[in-house]
Amino acid sequence: MKKAEVGNIIEFRGGLQGIVEKVNENSVIVDLTYMDNYRDLELDQRTVVNHKNYKVIKESAYL
């Protein structure tokens, strides 16, 4: 399993996607406003996802 890096786009929990803002030892903090339907889903702006529970969809072009 590849760990995400800041700026990567990840997918988790049934198709939710977001941009990694911070990488911690066991998890990442993800900005969910990346999704077009973010407001419709009534989610918080950020969430924490364990490294075991996501896959990297797109790597950051800034790295």
PDB file of N, CA and C in Angstrom:
ATOM      1  N   MET A   1       0.832  -1.185   0.000  1.00  0.00           N
ATOM      2  CA  MET A   1       0.000   0.000   0.000  1.00  0.00           C
ATOM      3  C   MET A   1       0.875   1.247   0.000  1.00  0.00           C
ATOM      4  N   LYS A   2       0.550   2.163  -0.882  1.00  0.00           N
ATOM      5  CA  LYS A   2       1.311   3.402  -0.979  1.00  0.00           C
ATOM      6  C   LYS A   2       0.672   4.476  -0.098  1.00  0.00           C
ATOM      7  N   LYS A   3       1.486   5.109   0.746  1.00  0.00           N
ATOM      8  CA  LYS A   3       0.982   6.196   1.579  1.00  0.00           C
ATOM      9  C   LYS A   3       0.827   7.449   0.729  1.00  0.00           C
ATOM     10  N   ALA A   4      -0.228   8.180   1.019  1.00  0.00           N
ATOM     11  CA  ALA A   4      -0.476   9.437   0.316  1.00  0.00           C
ATOM     12  C   ALA A   4       0.502  10.509   0.785  1.00  0.00           C
ATOM     13  N   GLU A   5       0.684  11.511  -0.053  1.00  0.00           N
ATOM     14  CA  GLU A   5       1.505  12.669   0.284  1.00  0.00           C
ATOM     15  C   GLU A   5       0.635  13.911   0.147  1.00  0.00           C
ATOM     16  N   VAL A   6       1.077  15.014   0.722  1.00  0.00           N
ATOM     17  CA  VAL A   6       0.331  16.265   0.647  1.00  0.00           C
ATOM     18  C   VAL A   6       0.090  16.615  -0.817  1.00  0.00           C
ATOM     19  N   GLY A   7      -1.158  16.940  -1.137  1.00  0.00           N
ATOM     20  CA  GLY A   7      -1.525  17.307  -2.497  1.00  0.00           C
ATOM     21  C   GLY A   7      -2.120  16.169  -3.306  1.00  0.00           C
ATOM     22  N   ASN A   8      -1.943  14.918  -2.857  1.00  0.00           N
ATOM     23  CA  ASN A   8      -2.535  13.776  -3.549  1.00  0.00           C
ATOM     24  C   ASN A   8      -4.048  13.797  -3.411  1.00  0.00           C
ATOM     25  N   ILE A   9      -4.719  13.217  -4.395  1.00  0.00           N
ATOM     26  CA  ILE A   9      -6.160  13.022  -4.318  1.00  0.00           C
ATOM     27  C   ILE A   9      -6.385  11.566  -3.957  1.00  0.00           C
ATOM     28  N   ILE A  10      -7.180  11.345  -2.912  1.00  0.00           N
ATOM     29  CA  ILE A  10      -7.445   9.989  -2.468  1.00  0.00           C
ATOM     30  C   ILE A  10      -8.938   9.692  -2.536  1.00  0.00           C
ATOM     31  N   GLU A  11      -9.250   8.397  -2.560  1.00  0.00           N
ATOM     32  CA  GLU A  11     -10.639   7.941  -2.524  1.00  0.00           C
ATOM     33  C   GLU A  11     -10.798   7.027  -1.322  1.00  0.00           C
ATOM     34  N   PHE A  12     -11.922   7.174  -0.623  1.00  0.00           N
ATOM     35  CA  PHE A  12     -12.161   6.392   0.583  1.00  0.00           C
ATOM     36  C   PHE A  12     -13.659   6.278   0.825  1.00  0.00           C
ATOM     37  N   ARG A  13     -14.026   5.467   1.760  1.00  0.00           N
ATOM     38  CA  ARG A  13     -15.401   5.287   2.239  1.00  0.00           C
ATOM     39  C   ARG A  13     -16.471   5.404   1.152  1.00  0.00           C
ATOM     40  N   GLY A  14     -16.502   4.449   0.268  1.00  0.00           N
ATOM     41  CA  GLY A  14     -17.584   4.377  -0.709  1.00  0.00           C
ATOM     42  C   GLY A  14     -17.573   5.433  -1.790  1.00  0.00           C
ATOM     43  N   GLY A  15     -16.421   5.897  -2.190  1.00  0.00           N
ATOM     44  CA  GLY A  15     -16.337   6.815  -3.320  1.00  0.00           C
ATOM     45  C   GLY A  15     -16.090   8.274  -2.982  1.00  0.00           C
ATOM     46  N   LEU A  16     -16.003   8.623  -1.696  1.00  0.00           N
ATOM     47  CA  LEU A  16     -15.665  10.003  -1.351  1.00  0.00           C
ATOM     48  C   LEU A  16     -14.228  10.284  -1.787  1.00  0.00           C
ATOM     49  N   GLN A  17     -13.978  11.513  -2.234  1.00  0.00           N
ATOM     50  CA  GLN A  17     -12.637  11.894  -2.656  1.00  0.00           C
ATOM     51  C   GLN A  17     -12.256  13.210  -2.013  1.00  0.00           C
ATOM     52  N   GLY A  18     -10.957  13.410  -1.855  1.00  0.00           N
ATOM     53  CA  GLY A  18     -10.471  14.651  -1.284  1.00  0.00           C
ATOM     54  C   GLY A  18      -8.983  14.814  -1.515  1.00  0.00           C
ATOM     55  N   ILE A  19      -8.510  16.010  -1.175  1.00  0.00           N
ATOM     56  CA  ILE A  19      -7.099  16.353  -1.331  1.00  0.00           C
ATOM     57  C   ILE A  19      -6.418  16.260   0.032  1.00  0.00           C
ATOM     58  N   VAL A  20      -5.297  15.550   0.085  1.00  0.00           N
ATOM     59  CA  VAL A  20      -4.558  15.388   1.332  1.00  0.00           C
ATOM     60  C   VAL A  20      -3.911  16.717   1.709  1.00  0.00           C
ATOM     61  N   GLU A  21      -4.215  17.178   2.926  1.00  0.00           N
ATOM     62  CA  GLU A  21      -3.632  18.423   3.424  1.00  0.00           C
ATOM     63  C   GLU A  21      -2.478  18.184   4.390  1.00  0.00           C
ATOM     64  N   LYS A  22      -2.542  17.076   5.132  1.00  0.00           N
ATOM     65  CA  LYS A  22      -1.494  16.781   6.102  1.00  0.00           C
ATOM     66  C   LYS A  22      -1.384  15.271   6.261  1.00  0.00           C
ATOM     67  N   VAL A  23      -0.152  14.800   6.386  1.00  0.00           N
ATOM     68  CA  VAL A  23       0.100  13.378   6.591  1.00  0.00           C
ATOM     69  C   VAL A  23       0.592  13.187   8.021  1.00  0.00           C
ATOM     70  N   ASN A  24      -0.127  12.344   8.772  1.00  0.00           N
ATOM     71  CA  ASN A  24       0.262  11.995  10.136  1.00  0.00           C
ATOM     72  C   ASN A  24       0.814  10.576  10.143  1.00  0.00           C
ATOM     73  N   GLU A  25       1.241  10.110  11.306  1.00  0.00           N
ATOM     74  CA  GLU A  25       1.834   8.779  11.408  1.00  0.00           C
ATOM     75  C   GLU A  25       0.862   7.679  10.967  1.00  0.00           C
ATOM     76  N   ASN A  26      -0.382   7.758  11.391  1.00  0.00           N
ATOM     77  CA  ASN A  26      -1.353   6.702  11.103  1.00  0.00           C
ATOM     78  C   ASN A  26      -2.508   7.139  10.212  1.00  0.00           C
ATOM     79  N   SER A  27      -2.530   8.404   9.807  1.00  0.00           N
ATOM     80  CA  SER A  27      -3.686   8.907   9.063  1.00  0.00           C
ATOM     81  C   SER A  27      -3.317  10.133   8.243  1.00  0.00           C
ATOM     82  N   VAL A  28      -4.290  10.569   7.435  1.00  0.00           N
ATOM     83  CA  VAL A  28      -4.144  11.809   6.675  1.00  0.00           C
ATOM     84  C   VAL A  28      -5.347  12.697   6.962  1.00  0.00           C
ATOM     85  N   ILE A  29      -5.150  14.003   6.845  1.00  0.00           N
ATOM     86  CA  ILE A  29      -6.245  14.958   6.939  1.00  0.00           C
ATOM     87  C   ILE A  29      -6.582  15.358   5.514  1.00  0.00           C
ATOM     88  N   VAL A  30      -7.872  15.251   5.173  1.00  0.00           N
ATOM     89  CA  VAL A  30      -8.325  15.400   3.793  1.00  0.00           C
ATOM     90  C   VAL A  30      -9.315  16.546   3.666  1.00  0.00           C
ATOM     91  N   ASP A  31      -9.136  17.384   2.649  1.00  0.00           N
ATOM     92  CA  ASP A  31     -10.071  18.455   2.308  1.00  0.00           C
ATOM     93  C   ASP A  31     -11.104  17.889   1.337  1.00  0.00           C
ATOM     94  N   LEU A  32     -12.366  17.849   1.754  1.00  0.00           N
ATOM     95  CA  LEU A  32     -13.424  17.247   0.957  1.00  0.00           C
ATOM     96  C   LEU A  32     -14.047  18.207  -0.051  1.00  0.00           C
ATOM     97  N   THR A  33     -13.701  19.487  -0.007  1.00  0.00           N
ATOM     98  CA  THR A  33     -14.305  20.457  -0.924  1.00  0.00           C
ATOM     99  C   THR A  33     -13.879  20.224  -2.365  1.00  0.00           C
ATOM    100  N   TYR A  34     -12.972  19.285  -2.588  1.00  0.00           N
ATOM    101  CA  TYR A  34     -12.532  18.904  -3.932  1.00  0.00           C
ATOM    102  C   TYR A  34     -13.694  18.334  -4.750  1.00  0.00           C
ATOM    103  N   MET A  35     -14.627  17.667  -4.073  1.00  0.00           N
ATOM    104  CA  MET A  35     -15.735  17.017  -4.781  1.00  0.00           C
ATOM    105  C   MET A  35     -16.761  18.054  -5.251  1.00  0.00           C
ATOM    106  N   ASP A  36     -17.268  17.878  -6.469  1.00  0.00           N
ATOM    107  CA  ASP A  36     -18.274  18.790  -7.011  1.00  0.00           C
ATOM    108  C   ASP A  36     -19.544  18.814  -6.170  1.00  0.00           C
ATOM    109  N   ASN A  37     -19.930  17.661  -5.619  1.00  0.00           N
ATOM    110  CA  ASN A  37     -21.174  17.567  -4.856  1.00  0.00           C
ATOM    111  C   ASN A  37     -20.957  17.701  -3.349  1.00  0.00           C
ATOM    112  N   TYR A  38     -19.887  18.330  -2.942  1.00  0.00           N
ATOM    113  CA  TYR A  38     -19.532  18.471  -1.527  1.00  0.00           C
ATOM    114  C   TYR A  38     -20.678  19.092  -0.722  1.00  0.00           C
ATOM    115  N   ARG A  39     -21.253  20.168  -1.207  1.00  0.00           N
ATOM    116  CA  ARG A  39     -22.329  20.852  -0.464  1.00  0.00           C
ATOM    117  C   ARG A  39     -23.590  19.989  -0.368  1.00  0.00           C
ATOM    118  N   ASP A  40     -23.890  19.237  -1.396  1.00  0.00           N
ATOM    119  CA  ASP A  40     -25.066  18.375  -1.398  1.00  0.00           C
ATOM    120  C   ASP A  40     -24.966  17.260  -0.353  1.00  0.00           C
ATOM    121  N   LEU A  41     -23.756  16.802  -0.069  1.00  0.00           N
ATOM    122  CA  LEU A  41     -23.542  15.703   0.865  1.00  0.00           C
ATOM    123  C   LEU A  41     -23.601  16.139   2.326  1.00  0.00           C
ATOM    124  N   GLU A  42     -23.565  17.445   2.569  1.00  0.00           N
ATOM    125  CA  GLU A  42     -23.618  18.011   3.924  1.00  0.00           C
ATOM    126  C   GLU A  42     -22.552  17.402   4.842  1.00  0.00           C
ATOM    127  N   LEU A  43     -21.323  17.389   4.353  1.00  0.00           N
ATOM    128  CA  LEU A  43     -20.195  16.872   5.115  1.00  0.00           C
ATOM    129  C   LEU A  43     -19.384  18.027   5.699  1.00  0.00           C
ATOM    130  N   ASP A  44     -18.577  17.718   6.720  1.00  0.00           N
ATOM    131  CA  ASP A  44     -17.615  18.703   7.206  1.00  0.00           C
ATOM    132  C   ASP A  44     -16.592  18.959   6.112  1.00  0.00           C
ATOM    133  N   GLN A  45     -15.912  20.101   6.189  1.00  0.00           N
ATOM    134  CA  GLN A  45     -14.938  20.465   5.157  1.00  0.00           C
ATOM    135  C   GLN A  45     -13.741  19.529   5.147  1.00  0.00           C
ATOM    136  N   ARG A  46     -13.330  19.059   6.327  1.00  0.00           N
ATOM    137  CA  ARG A  46     -12.164  18.175   6.432  1.00  0.00           C
ATOM    138  C   ARG A  46     -12.521  16.928   7.226  1.00  0.00           C
ATOM    139  N   THR A  47     -11.753  15.870   6.989  1.00  0.00           N
ATOM    140  CA  THR A  47     -11.919  14.641   7.753  1.00  0.00           C
ATOM    141  C   THR A  47     -10.572  13.939   7.881  1.00  0.00           C
ATOM    142  N   VAL A  48     -10.507  13.001   8.802  1.00  0.00           N
ATOM    143  CA  VAL A  48      -9.300  12.209   9.031  1.00  0.00           C
ATOM    144  C   VAL A  48      -9.549  10.795   8.505  1.00  0.00           C
ATOM    145  N   VAL A  49      -8.584  10.271   7.755  1.00  0.00           N
ATOM    146  CA  VAL A  49      -8.711   8.930   7.180  1.00  0.00           C
ATOM    147  C   VAL A  49      -7.451   8.136   7.504  1.00  0.00           C
ATOM    148  N   ASN A  50      -7.639   6.948   8.051  1.00  0.00           N
ATOM    149  CA  ASN A  50      -6.526   6.052   8.367  1.00  0.00           C
ATOM    150  C   ASN A  50      -5.850   5.604   7.072  1.00  0.00           C
ATOM    151  N   HIS A  51      -4.543   5.377   7.125  1.00  0.00           N
ATOM    152  CA  HIS A  51      -3.793   4.952   5.938  1.00  0.00           C
ATOM    153  C   HIS A  51      -4.333   3.655   5.331  1.00  0.00           C
ATOM    154  N   LYS A  52      -4.950   2.805   6.154  1.00  0.00           N
ATOM    155  CA  LYS A  52      -5.477   1.528   5.661  1.00  0.00           C
ATOM    156  C   LYS A  52      -6.781   1.701   4.878  1.00  0.00           C
ATOM    157  N   ASN A  53      -7.391   2.874   4.955  1.00  0.00           N
ATOM    158  CA  ASN A  53      -8.752   3.037   4.447  1.00  0.00           C
ATOM    159  C   ASN A  53      -8.883   3.926   3.213  1.00  0.00           C
ATOM    160  N   TYR A  54      -7.829   4.112   2.461  1.00  0.00           N
ATOM    161  CA  TYR A  54      -7.925   4.915   1.240  1.00  0.00           C
ATOM    162  C   TYR A  54      -7.013   4.357   0.161  1.00  0.00           C
ATOM    163  N   LYS A  55      -7.233   4.846  -1.060  1.00  0.00           N
ATOM    164  CA  LYS A  55      -6.269   4.562  -2.134  1.00  0.00           C
ATOM    165  C   LYS A  55      -5.986   5.881  -2.852  1.00  0.00           C
ATOM    166  N   VAL A  56      -4.761   6.030  -3.311  1.00  0.00           N
ATOM    167  CA  VAL A  56      -4.342   7.245  -4.013  1.00  0.00           C
ATOM    168  C   VAL A  56      -4.895   7.173  -5.422  1.00  0.00           C
ATOM    169  N   ILE A  57      -5.662   8.193  -5.808  1.00  0.00           N
ATOM    170  CA  ILE A  57      -6.263   8.278  -7.139  1.00  0.00           C
ATOM    171  C   ILE A  57      -5.348   9.043  -8.098  1.00  0.00           C
ATOM    172  N   LYS A  58      -4.796  10.144  -7.589  1.00  0.00           N
ATOM    173  CA  LYS A  58      -3.935  10.992  -8.421  1.00  0.00           C
ATOM    174  C   LYS A  58      -2.855  11.608  -7.559  1.00  0.00           C
ATOM    175  N   GLU A  59      -1.633  11.530  -8.023  1.00  0.00           N
ATOM    176  CA  GLU A  59      -0.519  12.131  -7.293  1.00  0.00           C
ATOM    177  C   GLU A  59      -0.408  13.602  -7.617  1.00  0.00           C
ATOM    178  N   SER A  60       0.076  14.362  -6.682  1.00  0.00           N
ATOM    179  CA  SER A  60       0.211  15.806  -6.852  1.00  0.00           C
ATOM    180  C   SER A  60       1.254  16.125  -7.924  1.00  0.00           C
ATOM    181  N   ALA A  61       0.940  17.103  -8.741  1.00  0.00           N
ATOM    182  CA  ALA A  61       1.883  17.545  -9.767  1.00  0.00           C
ATOM    183  C   ALA A  61       2.943  18.468  -9.163  1.00  0.00           C
ATOM    184  N   TYR A  62       2.735  18.895  -7.921  1.00  0.00           N
ATOM    185  CA  TYR A  62       3.638  19.855  -7.281  1.00  0.00           C
ATOM    186  C   TYR A  62       4.786  19.189  -6.554  1.00  0.00           C
ATOM    187  N   LEU A  63       4.816  17.862  -6.508  1.00  0.00           N
ATOM    188  CA  LEU A  63       5.873  17.179  -5.754  1.00  0.00           C
ATOM    189  C   LEU A  63       7.086  16.917  -6.590  1.00  0.00           C
TER     190      LEU A  63
END
